[in-house]
């Protein structure tokens, strides 16, 4: 059986990781996966076009709406993730144990990359197996909510204005609270 948690600098292949998790387990009727990538989280949520198609400075999104450029903050050029080896794996293993108690699942696998990452690089994978999709979906979402708030990772973004550490968001704490877990990371 493969380890449930991997912290690594190398990229991962989603299909291979799911196959390792399933490992000929004939009970599995559902596999739910989540893969997170490096994105420019600082762009305005209303921006759906590429940066090269930005409207001219001062252009409005909608009649009377705010300027698109005024809502965007610096572009993320790269992201660097750090962790405490040993401690991080142990914390994520505990998260998986909790998911196994809360949900009727057969297995879970978490891969989280560290080091220097570029936009569009894969960062994290959570995969969960169960007999039915509902349990897999819930467990996968639970694990991601837990990872976003409780896993000991530190994230630094590089922007044209320089490097900055990324703070936790209130919305991440709220997502975790749905599961009856209170945390304050901001």
N, C-alpha and C. Protein backbone atom coordinates (compact mmCIF):
# COMPACT_ATOMS: atom_id res chain seq x y z
N UNK A 1 0.84 -1.18 0.00
CA UNK A 1 0.00 0.00 0.00
C UNK A 1 0.88 1.24 0.00
N UNK A 2 0.53 2.22 -0.85
CA UNK A 2 1.29 3.46 -0.93
C UNK A 2 1.00 4.35 0.27
N UNK A 3 1.98 5.15 0.66
CA UNK A 3 1.72 6.11 1.74
C UNK A 3 0.57 7.05 1.36
N UNK A 4 -0.15 7.52 2.36
CA UNK A 4 -1.30 8.38 2.10
C UNK A 4 -0.92 9.83 1.87
N UNK A 5 0.25 10.24 2.34
CA UNK A 5 0.66 11.64 2.26
C UNK A 5 2.04 11.73 1.63
N UNK A 6 2.15 12.63 0.65
CA UNK A 6 3.45 12.93 0.04
C UNK A 6 3.62 14.44 -0.02
N UNK A 7 4.74 14.92 0.50
CA UNK A 7 5.13 16.32 0.35
C UNK A 7 6.35 16.26 -0.55
N UNK A 8 6.29 16.97 -1.67
CA UNK A 8 7.35 16.81 -2.67
C UNK A 8 7.51 18.07 -3.50
N UNK A 9 8.68 18.20 -4.13
CA UNK A 9 8.91 19.30 -5.04
C UNK A 9 8.48 18.93 -6.46
N UNK A 10 8.56 17.65 -6.80
CA UNK A 10 8.24 17.19 -8.15
C UNK A 10 6.74 17.26 -8.43
N UNK A 11 6.41 17.42 -9.70
CA UNK A 11 5.02 17.40 -10.13
C UNK A 11 4.48 15.98 -9.96
N UNK A 12 3.17 15.83 -10.10
CA UNK A 12 2.54 14.51 -9.97
C UNK A 12 1.62 14.27 -11.16
N UNK A 13 1.34 13.00 -11.40
CA UNK A 13 0.44 12.59 -12.47
C UNK A 13 -0.85 12.11 -11.82
N UNK A 14 -1.92 12.84 -12.04
CA UNK A 14 -3.20 12.56 -11.39
C UNK A 14 -3.67 11.14 -11.67
N UNK A 15 -3.62 10.69 -12.90
CA UNK A 15 -4.09 9.35 -13.25
C UNK A 15 -3.30 8.27 -12.51
N UNK A 16 -1.99 8.43 -12.46
CA UNK A 16 -1.16 7.45 -11.75
C UNK A 16 -1.48 7.44 -10.25
N UNK A 17 -1.68 8.60 -9.68
CA UNK A 17 -1.97 8.67 -8.24
C UNK A 17 -3.32 8.06 -7.91
N UNK A 18 -4.31 8.27 -8.75
CA UNK A 18 -5.63 7.66 -8.53
C UNK A 18 -5.52 6.15 -8.65
N UNK A 19 -4.77 5.68 -9.63
CA UNK A 19 -4.60 4.23 -9.78
C UNK A 19 -3.92 3.62 -8.55
N UNK A 20 -2.93 4.30 -8.00
CA UNK A 20 -2.28 3.81 -6.78
C UNK A 20 -3.27 3.76 -5.63
N UNK A 21 -4.12 4.76 -5.53
CA UNK A 21 -5.09 4.79 -4.45
C UNK A 21 -6.11 3.66 -4.59
N UNK A 22 -6.58 3.46 -5.80
CA UNK A 22 -7.56 2.39 -6.03
C UNK A 22 -6.95 1.01 -5.83
N UNK A 23 -5.74 0.81 -6.31
CA UNK A 23 -4.96 -0.42 -6.14
C UNK A 23 -5.80 -1.70 -6.15
N UNK A 24 -6.60 -1.85 -7.18
CA UNK A 24 -7.41 -3.07 -7.37
C UNK A 24 -8.40 -3.33 -6.23
N UNK A 25 -8.86 -2.29 -5.58
CA UNK A 25 -9.85 -2.42 -4.53
C UNK A 25 -11.23 -2.50 -5.18
N UNK A 26 -11.79 -3.69 -5.21
CA UNK A 26 -13.07 -3.93 -5.90
C UNK A 26 -14.27 -3.31 -5.18
N UNK A 27 -14.07 -2.79 -3.99
CA UNK A 27 -15.16 -2.12 -3.27
C UNK A 27 -15.40 -0.71 -3.81
N UNK A 28 -14.42 -0.14 -4.47
CA UNK A 28 -14.48 1.25 -4.90
C UNK A 28 -15.50 1.43 -6.01
N UNK A 29 -16.49 2.28 -5.73
CA UNK A 29 -17.47 2.65 -6.73
C UNK A 29 -17.36 4.12 -7.09
N UNK A 30 -16.58 4.87 -6.31
CA UNK A 30 -16.44 6.30 -6.56
C UNK A 30 -15.04 6.77 -6.18
N UNK A 31 -14.51 7.65 -7.00
CA UNK A 31 -13.25 8.32 -6.72
C UNK A 31 -13.50 9.80 -6.95
N UNK A 32 -13.23 10.59 -5.94
CA UNK A 32 -13.35 12.04 -6.06
C UNK A 32 -11.95 12.62 -5.93
N UNK A 33 -11.61 13.53 -6.82
CA UNK A 33 -10.30 14.17 -6.74
C UNK A 33 -10.44 15.68 -6.82
N UNK A 34 -9.51 16.34 -6.20
CA UNK A 34 -9.37 17.78 -6.31
C UNK A 34 -7.91 18.04 -6.62
N UNK A 35 -7.65 18.87 -7.62
CA UNK A 35 -6.30 19.29 -7.93
C UNK A 35 -6.26 20.80 -7.94
N UNK A 36 -5.42 21.37 -7.11
CA UNK A 36 -5.26 22.82 -7.05
C UNK A 36 -4.03 23.25 -7.81
N UNK A 37 -4.12 24.39 -8.47
CA UNK A 37 -3.02 24.90 -9.26
C UNK A 37 -2.65 26.31 -8.81
N UNK A 38 -1.45 26.73 -9.16
CA UNK A 38 -1.02 28.10 -8.88
C UNK A 38 -1.80 29.00 -9.81
N UNK A 39 -2.46 29.98 -9.22
CA UNK A 39 -3.23 30.93 -10.01
C UNK A 39 -2.90 32.33 -9.54
N UNK A 40 -3.28 33.27 -10.36
CA UNK A 40 -3.13 34.65 -9.97
C UNK A 40 -4.37 35.03 -9.20
N UNK A 41 -4.39 34.70 -7.90
CA UNK A 41 -5.58 34.91 -7.07
C UNK A 41 -5.87 36.36 -6.81
N UNK A 42 -4.99 37.23 -7.25
CA UNK A 42 -5.15 38.64 -6.98
C UNK A 42 -5.95 39.40 -8.03
N UNK A 43 -6.22 38.76 -9.14
CA UNK A 43 -7.00 39.43 -10.18
C UNK A 43 -8.44 39.59 -9.71
N UNK A 44 -9.10 40.60 -10.20
CA UNK A 44 -10.49 40.84 -9.85
C UNK A 44 -11.31 39.62 -10.25
N UNK A 45 -12.24 39.17 -9.41
CA UNK A 45 -13.04 37.99 -9.73
C UNK A 45 -13.86 38.15 -10.99
N UNK A 46 -14.13 39.37 -11.42
CA UNK A 46 -14.93 39.59 -12.61
C UNK A 46 -14.10 39.47 -13.88
N UNK A 47 -12.80 39.40 -13.77
CA UNK A 47 -11.95 39.32 -14.94
C UNK A 47 -11.94 37.90 -15.48
N UNK A 48 -12.45 37.72 -16.68
CA UNK A 48 -12.46 36.39 -17.28
C UNK A 48 -11.56 36.34 -18.50
N UNK A 49 -11.19 37.47 -19.05
CA UNK A 49 -10.32 37.50 -20.21
C UNK A 49 -8.87 37.49 -19.75
N UNK A 50 -7.97 37.22 -20.68
CA UNK A 50 -6.55 37.22 -20.33
C UNK A 50 -6.08 38.64 -20.06
N UNK A 51 -4.92 38.76 -19.40
CA UNK A 51 -4.38 40.07 -19.08
C UNK A 51 -4.12 40.90 -20.34
N UNK A 52 -3.82 40.24 -21.46
CA UNK A 52 -3.51 40.98 -22.68
C UNK A 52 -4.75 41.63 -23.27
N UNK A 53 -5.93 41.25 -22.80
CA UNK A 53 -7.14 41.84 -23.37
C UNK A 53 -7.81 42.80 -22.38
N UNK A 54 -7.03 43.34 -21.44
CA UNK A 54 -7.57 44.32 -20.51
C UNK A 54 -8.07 45.54 -21.27
N UNK A 55 -9.15 46.12 -20.80
CA UNK A 55 -9.62 47.35 -21.44
C UNK A 55 -8.64 48.49 -21.16
N UNK A 56 -8.74 49.55 -21.88
CA UNK A 56 -7.84 50.69 -21.63
C UNK A 56 -7.98 51.20 -20.21
N UNK A 57 -6.94 51.84 -19.72
CA UNK A 57 -6.96 52.42 -18.37
C UNK A 57 -8.20 53.29 -18.22
N UNK A 58 -8.92 53.07 -17.11
CA UNK A 58 -10.11 53.87 -16.84
C UNK A 58 -11.38 53.31 -17.45
N UNK A 59 -11.28 52.28 -18.29
CA UNK A 59 -12.49 51.69 -18.89
C UNK A 59 -13.34 51.07 -17.80
N UNK A 60 -14.63 51.05 -18.00
CA UNK A 60 -15.53 50.51 -16.99
C UNK A 60 -16.00 49.14 -17.39
N UNK A 61 -16.24 48.27 -16.37
CA UNK A 61 -16.75 46.92 -16.61
C UNK A 61 -18.18 46.98 -17.11
N UNK A 62 -18.97 47.79 -16.47
CA UNK A 62 -20.37 47.93 -16.84
C UNK A 62 -20.73 49.39 -16.64
N UNK A 63 -21.81 49.76 -17.20
CA UNK A 63 -22.26 51.15 -17.06
C UNK A 63 -22.28 51.57 -15.59
N UNK A 64 -21.48 52.54 -15.25
CA UNK A 64 -21.43 53.02 -13.87
C UNK A 64 -20.60 52.13 -12.95
N UNK A 65 -20.01 51.07 -13.49
CA UNK A 65 -19.24 50.14 -12.67
C UNK A 65 -17.83 50.62 -12.43
N UNK A 66 -17.10 49.94 -11.57
CA UNK A 66 -15.72 50.35 -11.27
C UNK A 66 -14.78 50.02 -12.41
N UNK A 67 -13.67 50.68 -12.45
CA UNK A 67 -12.65 50.39 -13.44
C UNK A 67 -12.07 49.01 -13.18
N UNK A 68 -11.93 48.21 -14.23
CA UNK A 68 -11.36 46.87 -14.10
C UNK A 68 -9.93 46.96 -13.57
N UNK A 69 -9.15 47.86 -14.11
CA UNK A 69 -7.77 48.00 -13.68
C UNK A 69 -7.67 48.41 -12.22
N UNK A 70 -8.58 49.19 -11.74
CA UNK A 70 -8.49 49.63 -10.35
C UNK A 70 -8.80 48.52 -9.37
N UNK A 71 -9.43 47.41 -9.83
CA UNK A 71 -9.75 46.33 -8.92
C UNK A 71 -8.68 45.24 -8.91
N UNK A 72 -7.75 45.29 -9.84
CA UNK A 72 -6.70 44.28 -9.92
C UNK A 72 -5.51 44.71 -9.05
N UNK A 73 -4.89 43.74 -8.39
CA UNK A 73 -3.68 44.00 -7.61
C UNK A 73 -2.52 43.29 -8.31
N UNK A 74 -1.32 43.39 -7.81
CA UNK A 74 -0.17 42.87 -8.55
C UNK A 74 -0.29 41.41 -8.98
N UNK A 75 0.21 41.17 -10.16
CA UNK A 75 0.24 39.85 -10.76
C UNK A 75 1.15 38.92 -9.96
N UNK A 76 0.72 37.66 -9.80
CA UNK A 76 1.56 36.67 -9.15
C UNK A 76 2.50 36.07 -10.20
N UNK A 77 3.80 36.28 -10.00
CA UNK A 77 4.80 35.77 -10.93
C UNK A 77 5.23 34.35 -10.57
N UNK A 78 5.27 34.07 -9.27
CA UNK A 78 5.60 32.74 -8.78
C UNK A 78 5.12 32.62 -7.34
N UNK A 79 5.15 31.40 -6.85
CA UNK A 79 4.75 31.14 -5.47
C UNK A 79 5.75 30.16 -4.87
N UNK A 80 6.11 30.39 -3.63
CA UNK A 80 7.02 29.49 -2.94
C UNK A 80 6.33 28.96 -1.69
N UNK A 81 6.33 27.64 -1.56
CA UNK A 81 5.71 26.99 -0.41
C UNK A 81 6.78 26.36 0.46
N UNK A 82 6.65 26.58 1.77
CA UNK A 82 7.56 25.99 2.74
C UNK A 82 6.75 25.16 3.72
N UNK A 83 7.43 24.21 4.38
CA UNK A 83 6.76 23.38 5.39
C UNK A 83 7.81 22.87 6.38
N UNK A 84 7.32 22.26 7.45
CA UNK A 84 8.21 21.58 8.40
C UNK A 84 8.16 20.09 8.10
N UNK A 85 9.23 19.53 7.53
CA UNK A 85 9.24 18.09 7.24
C UNK A 85 8.95 17.27 8.50
N UNK A 86 8.15 16.27 8.34
CA UNK A 86 7.76 15.42 9.46
C UNK A 86 6.51 15.94 10.14
N UNK A 87 6.53 17.18 10.55
CA UNK A 87 5.37 17.77 11.21
C UNK A 87 4.20 17.92 10.23
N UNK A 88 4.48 18.36 9.02
CA UNK A 88 3.43 18.57 8.03
C UNK A 88 2.77 17.24 7.66
N UNK A 89 3.56 16.23 7.40
CA UNK A 89 3.01 14.92 7.06
C UNK A 89 2.14 14.37 8.19
N UNK A 90 2.63 14.52 9.41
CA UNK A 90 1.88 14.04 10.58
C UNK A 90 0.54 14.75 10.70
N UNK A 91 0.52 16.06 10.48
CA UNK A 91 -0.73 16.82 10.56
C UNK A 91 -1.71 16.38 9.48
N UNK A 92 -1.22 16.14 8.28
CA UNK A 92 -2.12 15.71 7.19
C UNK A 92 -2.61 14.29 7.43
N UNK A 93 -1.76 13.43 7.96
CA UNK A 93 -2.20 12.06 8.31
C UNK A 93 -3.35 12.13 9.31
N UNK A 94 -3.25 13.03 10.28
CA UNK A 94 -4.32 13.18 11.27
C UNK A 94 -5.61 13.66 10.60
N UNK A 95 -5.49 14.53 9.59
CA UNK A 95 -6.65 14.99 8.84
C UNK A 95 -7.32 13.82 8.13
N UNK A 96 -6.52 12.97 7.52
CA UNK A 96 -7.06 11.81 6.82
C UNK A 96 -7.73 10.86 7.81
N UNK A 97 -7.10 10.65 8.96
CA UNK A 97 -7.73 9.81 9.99
C UNK A 97 -9.10 10.36 10.38
N UNK A 98 -9.19 11.68 10.54
CA UNK A 98 -10.47 12.32 10.88
C UNK A 98 -11.50 12.12 9.77
N UNK A 99 -11.08 12.23 8.52
CA UNK A 99 -11.99 12.00 7.39
C UNK A 99 -12.48 10.56 7.38
N UNK A 100 -11.60 9.62 7.72
CA UNK A 100 -11.98 8.21 7.75
C UNK A 100 -13.05 7.95 8.82
N UNK A 101 -13.00 8.71 9.92
CA UNK A 101 -14.00 8.58 10.98
C UNK A 101 -15.32 9.23 10.57
N UNK A 102 -15.24 10.39 9.96
CA UNK A 102 -16.43 11.18 9.63
C UNK A 102 -17.22 10.63 8.44
N UNK A 103 -16.52 10.03 7.48
CA UNK A 103 -17.15 9.63 6.23
C UNK A 103 -16.91 8.15 5.95
N UNK A 104 -17.81 7.56 5.20
CA UNK A 104 -17.70 6.15 4.84
C UNK A 104 -16.83 6.03 3.59
N UNK A 105 -15.52 6.15 3.79
CA UNK A 105 -14.56 6.10 2.68
C UNK A 105 -13.58 4.95 2.89
N UNK A 106 -13.01 4.52 1.78
CA UNK A 106 -12.04 3.42 1.83
C UNK A 106 -10.60 3.91 1.93
N UNK A 107 -10.32 5.01 1.28
CA UNK A 107 -8.95 5.50 1.29
C UNK A 107 -8.87 6.95 0.87
N UNK A 108 -7.74 7.55 1.15
CA UNK A 108 -7.49 8.94 0.76
C UNK A 108 -5.99 9.09 0.50
N UNK A 109 -5.69 10.01 -0.39
CA UNK A 109 -4.30 10.29 -0.74
C UNK A 109 -4.16 11.80 -0.91
N UNK A 110 -3.13 12.37 -0.30
CA UNK A 110 -2.86 13.80 -0.41
C UNK A 110 -1.42 13.99 -0.88
N UNK A 111 -1.27 14.75 -1.93
CA UNK A 111 0.05 15.15 -2.40
C UNK A 111 0.07 16.67 -2.37
N UNK A 112 1.10 17.22 -1.76
CA UNK A 112 1.24 18.67 -1.71
C UNK A 112 2.66 19.02 -2.11
N UNK A 113 2.78 19.90 -3.06
CA UNK A 113 4.11 20.31 -3.51
C UNK A 113 4.62 21.47 -2.67
N UNK A 114 5.93 21.55 -2.57
CA UNK A 114 6.62 22.66 -1.90
C UNK A 114 7.72 23.15 -2.83
N UNK A 115 8.30 24.27 -2.46
CA UNK A 115 9.36 24.83 -3.29
C UNK A 115 8.80 25.92 -4.18
N UNK A 116 9.56 26.29 -5.20
CA UNK A 116 9.18 27.35 -6.11
C UNK A 116 8.26 26.81 -7.19
N UNK A 117 7.08 27.43 -7.33
CA UNK A 117 6.09 27.02 -8.31
C UNK A 117 5.71 28.21 -9.19
N UNK A 118 5.33 27.90 -10.41
CA UNK A 118 4.96 28.93 -11.38
C UNK A 118 3.45 28.89 -11.63
N UNK A 119 2.88 29.99 -12.14
CA UNK A 119 1.46 29.98 -12.48
C UNK A 119 1.12 28.78 -13.38
N UNK A 120 0.01 28.15 -13.09
CA UNK A 120 -0.54 26.96 -13.74
C UNK A 120 0.08 25.65 -13.25
N UNK A 121 1.15 25.69 -12.44
CA UNK A 121 1.70 24.45 -11.88
C UNK A 121 0.68 23.83 -10.92
N UNK A 122 0.67 22.50 -10.88
CA UNK A 122 -0.14 21.80 -9.89
C UNK A 122 0.50 22.00 -8.51
N UNK A 123 -0.36 22.21 -7.49
CA UNK A 123 0.14 22.41 -6.13
C UNK A 123 -0.28 21.26 -5.24
N UNK A 124 -1.56 20.89 -5.30
CA UNK A 124 -2.10 19.92 -4.36
C UNK A 124 -3.06 18.98 -5.06
N UNK A 125 -3.08 17.75 -4.58
CA UNK A 125 -4.05 16.76 -5.03
C UNK A 125 -4.61 16.07 -3.81
N UNK A 126 -5.93 15.98 -3.76
CA UNK A 126 -6.62 15.18 -2.76
C UNK A 126 -7.47 14.20 -3.54
N UNK A 127 -7.35 12.93 -3.23
CA UNK A 127 -8.16 11.89 -3.87
C UNK A 127 -8.76 11.01 -2.78
N UNK A 128 -10.02 10.66 -2.95
CA UNK A 128 -10.75 9.87 -1.95
C UNK A 128 -11.54 8.79 -2.67
N UNK A 129 -11.55 7.58 -2.10
CA UNK A 129 -12.35 6.49 -2.65
C UNK A 129 -13.43 6.07 -1.66
N UNK A 130 -14.55 5.63 -2.22
CA UNK A 130 -15.66 5.13 -1.41
C UNK A 130 -16.55 4.27 -2.30
N UNK A 131 -17.59 3.73 -1.71
CA UNK A 131 -18.54 2.94 -2.48
C UNK A 131 -19.43 3.86 -3.32
N UNK A 132 -19.76 5.02 -2.77
CA UNK A 132 -20.69 5.94 -3.43
C UNK A 132 -20.12 7.34 -3.50
N UNK A 133 -20.50 8.10 -4.50
CA UNK A 133 -19.91 9.42 -4.75
C UNK A 133 -20.11 10.43 -3.63
N UNK A 134 -21.25 10.41 -2.97
CA UNK A 134 -21.54 11.41 -1.94
C UNK A 134 -20.49 11.44 -0.85
N UNK A 135 -20.10 10.29 -0.37
CA UNK A 135 -19.09 10.22 0.70
C UNK A 135 -17.73 10.70 0.21
N UNK A 136 -17.40 10.34 -1.04
CA UNK A 136 -16.12 10.79 -1.60
C UNK A 136 -16.09 12.29 -1.77
N UNK A 137 -17.18 12.86 -2.29
CA UNK A 137 -17.24 14.32 -2.46
C UNK A 137 -17.08 15.03 -1.12
N UNK A 138 -17.84 14.59 -0.12
CA UNK A 138 -17.79 15.25 1.19
C UNK A 138 -16.40 15.13 1.81
N UNK A 139 -15.83 13.94 1.76
CA UNK A 139 -14.50 13.74 2.36
C UNK A 139 -13.43 14.55 1.64
N UNK A 140 -13.52 14.63 0.34
CA UNK A 140 -12.54 15.41 -0.44
C UNK A 140 -12.65 16.89 -0.07
N UNK A 141 -13.87 17.39 0.02
CA UNK A 141 -14.06 18.80 0.38
C UNK A 141 -13.60 19.06 1.82
N UNK A 142 -13.91 18.15 2.73
CA UNK A 142 -13.46 18.27 4.11
C UNK A 142 -11.93 18.35 4.17
N UNK A 143 -11.26 17.45 3.47
CA UNK A 143 -9.80 17.45 3.50
C UNK A 143 -9.22 18.74 2.93
N UNK A 144 -9.80 19.25 1.86
CA UNK A 144 -9.30 20.52 1.30
C UNK A 144 -9.54 21.68 2.26
N UNK A 145 -10.72 21.72 2.87
CA UNK A 145 -10.98 22.79 3.84
C UNK A 145 -10.00 22.72 5.00
N UNK A 146 -9.69 21.52 5.43
CA UNK A 146 -8.75 21.32 6.54
C UNK A 146 -7.33 21.72 6.10
N UNK A 147 -6.95 21.29 4.89
CA UNK A 147 -5.61 21.63 4.39
C UNK A 147 -5.41 23.15 4.29
N UNK A 148 -6.43 23.86 3.80
CA UNK A 148 -6.31 25.30 3.61
C UNK A 148 -6.12 26.05 4.92
N UNK A 149 -6.58 25.48 6.03
CA UNK A 149 -6.54 26.22 7.29
C UNK A 149 -5.59 25.65 8.33
N UNK A 150 -5.39 24.35 8.33
CA UNK A 150 -4.68 23.73 9.44
C UNK A 150 -3.33 23.10 9.09
N UNK A 151 -3.09 22.79 7.84
CA UNK A 151 -1.81 22.17 7.48
C UNK A 151 -0.69 23.20 7.61
N UNK A 152 0.43 22.80 8.20
CA UNK A 152 1.53 23.75 8.40
C UNK A 152 2.35 23.99 7.12
N UNK A 153 1.80 24.86 6.28
CA UNK A 153 2.48 25.33 5.07
C UNK A 153 2.54 26.85 5.15
N UNK A 154 3.58 27.42 4.56
CA UNK A 154 3.72 28.86 4.47
C UNK A 154 3.92 29.21 3.02
N UNK A 155 3.15 30.19 2.55
CA UNK A 155 3.11 30.54 1.13
C UNK A 155 3.58 31.97 0.93
N UNK A 156 4.53 32.13 0.00
CA UNK A 156 5.04 33.45 -0.35
C UNK A 156 4.85 33.66 -1.85
N UNK A 157 4.21 34.77 -2.21
CA UNK A 157 4.01 35.11 -3.61
C UNK A 157 5.05 36.14 -4.05
N UNK A 158 5.51 35.98 -5.27
CA UNK A 158 6.40 36.96 -5.87
C UNK A 158 5.58 37.75 -6.88
N UNK A 159 5.57 39.07 -6.72
CA UNK A 159 4.85 39.96 -7.63
C UNK A 159 5.84 40.96 -8.21
N UNK A 160 5.45 41.73 -9.20
CA UNK A 160 6.37 42.75 -9.72
C UNK A 160 6.81 43.75 -8.64
N UNK A 161 6.01 43.90 -7.60
CA UNK A 161 6.37 44.81 -6.51
C UNK A 161 7.25 44.16 -5.45
N UNK A 162 7.50 42.87 -5.57
CA UNK A 162 8.33 42.16 -4.60
C UNK A 162 7.60 40.97 -3.98
N UNK A 163 8.26 40.34 -3.02
CA UNK A 163 7.70 39.15 -2.37
C UNK A 163 6.81 39.55 -1.21
N UNK A 164 5.78 38.71 -0.96
CA UNK A 164 4.91 38.92 0.19
C UNK A 164 4.36 37.58 0.65
N UNK A 165 4.27 37.43 1.98
CA UNK A 165 3.70 36.23 2.56
C UNK A 165 2.18 36.32 2.44
N UNK A 166 1.55 35.21 2.14
CA UNK A 166 0.11 35.17 1.95
C UNK A 166 -0.55 34.82 3.28
N UNK A 167 -1.45 35.67 3.72
CA UNK A 167 -2.19 35.45 4.96
C UNK A 167 -3.39 34.53 4.72
N UNK A 168 -3.81 33.87 5.77
CA UNK A 168 -5.03 33.07 5.71
C UNK A 168 -6.21 34.00 5.48
N UNK A 169 -7.29 33.43 4.93
CA UNK A 169 -8.48 34.22 4.66
C UNK A 169 -9.62 33.81 5.58
N UNK A 170 -10.47 34.75 5.90
CA UNK A 170 -11.64 34.49 6.74
C UNK A 170 -12.53 33.43 6.06
N UNK A 171 -12.62 33.46 4.74
CA UNK A 171 -13.46 32.50 4.03
C UNK A 171 -12.98 31.06 4.22
N UNK A 172 -11.67 30.87 4.39
CA UNK A 172 -11.14 29.52 4.65
C UNK A 172 -11.57 29.03 6.03
N UNK A 173 -11.53 29.92 7.03
CA UNK A 173 -12.01 29.55 8.37
C UNK A 173 -13.49 29.22 8.34
N UNK A 174 -14.27 29.99 7.58
CA UNK A 174 -15.71 29.75 7.48
C UNK A 174 -15.98 28.39 6.83
N UNK A 175 -15.20 28.03 5.84
CA UNK A 175 -15.37 26.73 5.19
C UNK A 175 -15.11 25.60 6.18
N UNK A 176 -14.09 25.74 6.99
CA UNK A 176 -13.78 24.72 7.99
C UNK A 176 -14.87 24.65 9.06
N UNK A 177 -15.44 25.79 9.41
CA UNK A 177 -16.49 25.84 10.44
C UNK A 177 -17.73 25.03 10.03
N UNK A 178 -17.96 24.88 8.73
CA UNK A 178 -19.08 24.05 8.27
C UNK A 178 -18.99 22.63 8.81
N UNK A 179 -17.78 22.19 9.09
CA UNK A 179 -17.54 20.83 9.57
C UNK A 179 -17.51 20.78 11.10
N UNK A 180 -17.85 21.89 11.75
CA UNK A 180 -17.87 21.92 13.21
C UNK A 180 -16.50 22.14 13.81
N UNK A 181 -15.56 22.64 13.03
CA UNK A 181 -14.21 22.89 13.51
C UNK A 181 -13.98 24.38 13.50
N UNK A 182 -13.67 24.95 14.65
CA UNK A 182 -13.43 26.37 14.76
C UNK A 182 -11.93 26.63 14.71
N UNK A 183 -11.53 27.57 13.87
CA UNK A 183 -10.12 27.95 13.76
C UNK A 183 -10.08 29.43 13.43
N UNK A 184 -9.07 30.08 13.90
CA UNK A 184 -8.89 31.48 13.57
C UNK A 184 -7.47 31.64 13.06
N UNK A 185 -7.35 31.79 11.76
CA UNK A 185 -6.04 31.89 11.13
C UNK A 185 -5.72 33.29 10.65
N UNK A 186 -6.62 34.24 10.87
CA UNK A 186 -6.35 35.59 10.40
C UNK A 186 -6.14 36.53 11.57
